[in-house]
Amino acid sequence: MTGRSNRATRPDQPVMYQIRLKGQLDAQWTGWFGDLTVAITEDGDTLLSGPVADQAALHGLLRKVRDIGIPLISVNELQISECQPQG
């Protein structure tokens, strides 16, 4: 992670994360991840993206990924500029 985190610049806001999973997450699991957006990439992986309230919530999401048994590729904190619409 480089630069300043969302937490450092806006401590009152949840941090935005993108979690990349190997393969496609079955539709039955998408509701299990609350407010996160679930998208399938061109290469067939799954991206979970959205706000995470704090580190405890992030660890809870990672436990869910573990419990499903889908391989975790990466967890990235998105910078504020990556979360805002361009234009």
C-alpha atoms as a PDB file:
ATOM      1  CA  MET A   1       0.000   0.000   0.000  1.00  0.00           C
ATOM      2  CA  THR A   2       1.439   3.346  -0.967  1.00  0.00           C
ATOM      3  CA  GLY A   3       0.448   6.882  -0.168  1.00  0.00           C
ATOM      4  CA  ARG A   4      -1.980   7.970   2.491  1.00  0.00           C
ATOM      5  CA  SER A   5      -4.926   5.780   3.280  1.00  0.00           C
ATOM      6  CA  ASN A   6      -8.551   6.867   3.251  1.00  0.00           C
ATOM      7  CA  ARG A   7      -8.511   6.441   7.048  1.00  0.00           C
ATOM      8  CA  ALA A   8      -5.650   8.940   7.395  1.00  0.00           C
ATOM      9  CA  THR A   9      -7.255  11.588   5.211  1.00  0.00           C
ATOM     10  CA  ARG A  10     -10.917  11.013   6.194  1.00  0.00           C
ATOM     11  CA  PRO A  11     -11.071   9.236   9.561  1.00  0.00           C
ATOM     12  CA  ASP A  12     -14.872   9.540   9.744  1.00  0.00           C
ATOM     13  CA  GLN A  13     -15.369   7.531   6.544  1.00  0.00           C
ATOM     14  CA  PRO A  14     -15.105   3.789   5.905  1.00  0.00           C
ATOM     15  CA  VAL A  15     -12.091   2.649   3.924  1.00  0.00           C
ATOM     16  CA  MET A  16     -12.718   1.442   0.374  1.00  0.00           C
ATOM     17  CA  TYR A  17     -11.296  -1.986  -0.462  1.00  0.00           C
ATOM     18  CA  GLN A  18     -11.050  -4.259  -3.461  1.00  0.00           C
ATOM     19  CA  ILE A  19     -10.726  -7.966  -2.732  1.00  0.00           C
ATOM     20  CA  ARG A  20      -9.760 -10.190  -5.668  1.00  0.00           C
ATOM     21  CA  LEU A  21     -10.735 -13.861  -5.609  1.00  0.00           C
ATOM     22  CA  LYS A  22      -9.573 -16.621  -7.972  1.00  0.00           C
ATOM     23  CA  GLY A  23     -12.466 -17.829 -10.113  1.00  0.00           C
ATOM     24  CA  GLN A  24     -16.106 -16.880 -10.133  1.00  0.00           C
ATOM     25  CA  LEU A  25     -18.090 -16.552  -6.950  1.00  0.00           C
ATOM     26  CA  ASP A  26     -21.415 -18.371  -7.259  1.00  0.00           C
ATOM     27  CA  ALA A  27     -24.440 -16.058  -7.276  1.00  0.00           C
ATOM     28  CA  GLN A  28     -25.718 -17.669  -4.073  1.00  0.00           C
ATOM     29  CA  TRP A  29     -22.863 -16.033  -2.125  1.00  0.00           C
ATOM     30  CA  THR A  30     -23.122 -12.465  -3.404  1.00  0.00           C
ATOM     31  CA  GLY A  31     -25.639 -11.383  -0.748  1.00  0.00           C
ATOM     32  CA  TRP A  32     -23.308 -12.678   1.944  1.00  0.00           C
ATOM     33  CA  PHE A  33     -20.952  -9.747   1.382  1.00  0.00           C
ATOM     34  CA  GLY A  34     -23.376  -6.964   2.302  1.00  0.00           C
ATOM     35  CA  ASP A  35     -22.700  -3.620   0.626  1.00  0.00           C
ATOM     36  CA  LEU A  36     -19.770  -4.818  -1.446  1.00  0.00           C
ATOM     37  CA  THR A  37     -20.147  -4.813  -5.211  1.00  0.00           C
ATOM     38  CA  VAL A  38     -19.462  -8.198  -6.793  1.00  0.00           C
ATOM     39  CA  ALA A  39     -18.041  -8.181 -10.334  1.00  0.00           C
ATOM     40  CA  ILE A  40     -16.491 -10.813 -12.582  1.00  0.00           C
ATOM     41  CA  THR A  41     -13.341  -9.708 -14.419  1.00  0.00           C
ATOM     42  CA  GLU A  42     -12.502 -10.511 -18.046  1.00  0.00           C
ATOM     43  CA  ASP A  43     -10.065 -13.174 -16.855  1.00  0.00           C
ATOM     44  CA  GLY A  44     -12.782 -14.891 -14.804  1.00  0.00           C
ATOM     45  CA  ASP A  45     -11.824 -13.741 -11.322  1.00  0.00           C
ATOM     46  CA  THR A  46     -14.204 -12.120  -8.827  1.00  0.00           C
ATOM     47  CA  LEU A  47     -13.785  -8.606  -7.449  1.00  0.00           C
ATOM     48  CA  LEU A  48     -15.474  -7.556  -4.223  1.00  0.00           C
ATOM     49  CA  SER A  49     -15.351  -3.763  -3.933  1.00  0.00           C
ATOM     50  CA  GLY A  50     -16.740  -1.240  -1.510  1.00  0.00           C
ATOM     51  CA  PRO A  51     -16.601   0.375   1.901  1.00  0.00           C
ATOM     52  CA  VAL A  52     -15.345  -1.529   4.929  1.00  0.00           C
ATOM     53  CA  ALA A  53     -16.045   0.090   8.296  1.00  0.00           C
ATOM     54  CA  ASP A  54     -12.850  -0.930  10.084  1.00  0.00           C
ATOM     55  CA  GLN A  55     -10.182  -3.617  10.443  1.00  0.00           C
ATOM     56  CA  ALA A  56     -12.532  -5.909  12.368  1.00  0.00           C
ATOM     57  CA  ALA A  57     -15.017  -5.774   9.476  1.00  0.00           C
ATOM     58  CA  LEU A  58     -12.215  -6.480   6.989  1.00  0.00           C
ATOM     59  CA  HIS A  59     -11.135  -9.539   8.961  1.00  0.00           C
ATOM     60  CA  GLY A  60     -14.767 -10.689   9.019  1.00  0.00           C
ATOM     61  CA  LEU A  61     -14.932 -10.446   5.220  1.00  0.00           C
ATOM     62  CA  LEU A  62     -11.702 -12.405   4.887  1.00  0.00           C
ATOM     63  CA  ARG A  63     -13.108 -15.119   7.168  1.00  0.00           C
ATOM     64  CA  LYS A  64     -16.127 -15.363   4.866  1.00  0.00           C
ATOM     65  CA  VAL A  65     -13.821 -15.783   1.863  1.00  0.00           C
ATOM     66  CA  ARG A  66     -11.953 -18.516   3.742  1.00  0.00           C
ATOM     67  CA  ASP A  67     -15.206 -20.240   4.721  1.00  0.00           C
ATOM     68  CA  ILE A  68     -16.405 -20.328   1.108  1.00  0.00           C
ATOM     69  CA  GLY A  69     -13.108 -21.901   0.082  1.00  0.00           C
ATOM     70  CA  ILE A  70     -12.435 -19.651  -2.916  1.00  0.00           C
ATOM     71  CA  PRO A  71      -8.736 -18.700  -3.208  1.00  0.00           C
ATOM     72  CA  LEU A  72      -7.819 -15.145  -2.202  1.00  0.00           C
ATOM     73  CA  ILE A  73      -5.574 -13.333  -4.686  1.00  0.00           C
ATOM     74  CA  SER A  74      -5.280  -9.859  -3.183  1.00  0.00           C
ATOM     75  CA  VAL A  75      -6.691  -7.261  -0.825  1.00  0.00           C
ATOM     76  CA  ASN A  76      -6.146  -3.643  -1.822  1.00  0.00           C
ATOM     77  CA  GLU A  77      -7.145  -0.435  -0.137  1.00  0.00           C
ATOM     78  CA  LEU A  78      -8.422   1.937  -2.783  1.00  0.00           C
ATOM     79  CA  GLN A  79      -7.289   5.541  -2.638  1.00  0.00           C
ATOM     80  CA  ILE A  80     -10.002   8.193  -2.574  1.00  0.00           C
ATOM     81  CA  SER A  81      -9.128   9.242  -6.135  1.00  0.00           C
ATOM     82  CA  GLU A  82      -9.791   5.655  -7.330  1.00  0.00           C
ATOM     83  CA  CYS A  83     -13.283   5.695  -5.804  1.00  0.00           C
ATOM     84  CA  GLN A  84     -14.522   8.974  -7.257  1.00  0.00           C
ATOM     85  CA  PRO A  85     -16.138   9.177 -10.711  1.00  0.00           C
ATOM     86  CA  GLN A  86     -13.946  10.689 -13.391  1.00  0.00           C
ATOM     87  CA  GLY A  87     -15.131  13.692 -15.316  1.00  0.00           C
END
